[in-house]
Amino acid sequence: MTVGHKMQETIAQAQVVAANLKLFALDTKDQQAKQMFNQLSQSMDNCVNTLQSRLTYIQEQEPQYREQ
């Protein structure tokens, strides 16, 4: 498994976590919990964006990690 493939898997998993947190926020009536889940989902979205930027950089710098 290449670094590029591991990064893609990690990004996908982080997107699932972000989506689950958004669902938790929608499912709760507790306003504090809702706010917490929304903040956590935003943090995960930021992580996804950071990881995606890193993957793009890796793919540009290292041709062997490009999608085939």
Protein backbone atom coordinates (compact mmCIF):
# COMPACT_ATOMS: atom_id res chain seq x y z
CA MET A 1 0.00 0.00 0.00
CA THR A 2 1.46 3.33 -1.04
CA VAL A 3 1.56 6.50 0.99
CA GLY A 4 -0.89 8.05 -1.48
CA HIS A 5 -3.35 5.20 -1.01
CA LYS A 6 -3.06 5.41 2.79
CA MET A 7 -3.68 9.16 2.61
CA GLN A 8 -6.80 8.61 0.49
CA GLU A 9 -8.11 6.07 3.00
CA THR A 10 -7.41 8.43 5.89
CA ILE A 11 -9.23 11.27 4.12
CA ALA A 12 -12.24 9.04 3.50
CA GLN A 13 -12.32 7.95 7.14
CA ALA A 14 -12.06 11.56 8.33
CA GLN A 15 -14.97 12.49 6.05
CA VAL A 16 -17.05 9.71 7.64
CA VAL A 17 -16.24 11.02 11.12
CA ALA A 18 -17.23 14.57 10.08
CA ALA A 19 -20.50 13.30 8.62
CA ASN A 20 -21.29 11.30 11.77
CA LEU A 21 -20.66 14.34 13.95
CA LYS A 22 -23.04 16.38 11.79
CA LEU A 23 -25.68 13.68 12.20
CA PHE A 24 -25.18 13.68 15.97
CA ALA A 25 -25.73 17.44 15.97
CA LEU A 26 -28.97 17.02 14.05
CA ASP A 27 -30.18 14.18 16.27
CA THR A 28 -29.74 15.88 19.64
CA LYS A 29 -32.03 18.40 21.27
CA ASP A 30 -29.40 19.42 23.82
CA GLN A 31 -28.10 22.77 22.59
CA GLN A 32 -24.71 22.39 24.25
CA ALA A 33 -24.21 18.98 22.69
CA LYS A 34 -25.42 20.30 19.32
CA GLN A 35 -22.88 23.13 19.47
CA MET A 36 -20.11 20.74 20.50
CA PHE A 37 -20.88 18.32 17.64
CA ASN A 38 -21.00 21.17 15.15
CA GLN A 39 -17.63 22.50 16.34
CA LEU A 40 -16.10 19.04 16.18
CA SER A 41 -17.46 18.50 12.66
CA GLN A 42 -15.91 21.81 11.57
CA SER A 43 -12.60 20.71 13.04
CA MET A 44 -12.82 17.44 11.13
CA ASP A 45 -13.66 19.32 7.93
CA ASN A 46 -10.50 21.38 8.49
CA CYS A 47 -8.51 18.17 8.98
CA VAL A 48 -9.93 16.77 5.75
CA ASN A 49 -8.94 19.94 3.88
CA THR A 50 -5.43 19.83 5.35
CA LEU A 51 -5.00 16.16 4.47
CA GLN A 52 -6.35 16.76 0.96
CA SER A 53 -3.84 19.58 0.46
CA ARG A 54 -1.06 17.30 1.64
CA LEU A 55 -2.19 14.53 -0.72
CA THR A 56 -2.22 16.96 -3.63
CA TYR A 57 1.28 18.11 -2.71
CA ILE A 58 2.52 14.52 -2.46
CA GLN A 59 1.01 13.66 -5.84
CA GLU A 60 2.63 16.71 -7.44
CA GLN A 61 6.05 16.05 -5.91
CA GLU A 62 6.12 12.27 -6.13
CA PRO A 63 4.73 10.90 -9.41
CA GLN A 64 4.59 7.34 -8.04
CA TYR A 65 1.83 8.42 -5.63
CA ARG A 66 -0.47 9.79 -8.32
CA GLU A 67 -3.77 8.04 -8.87
CA GLN A 68 -3.59 5.53 -11.65
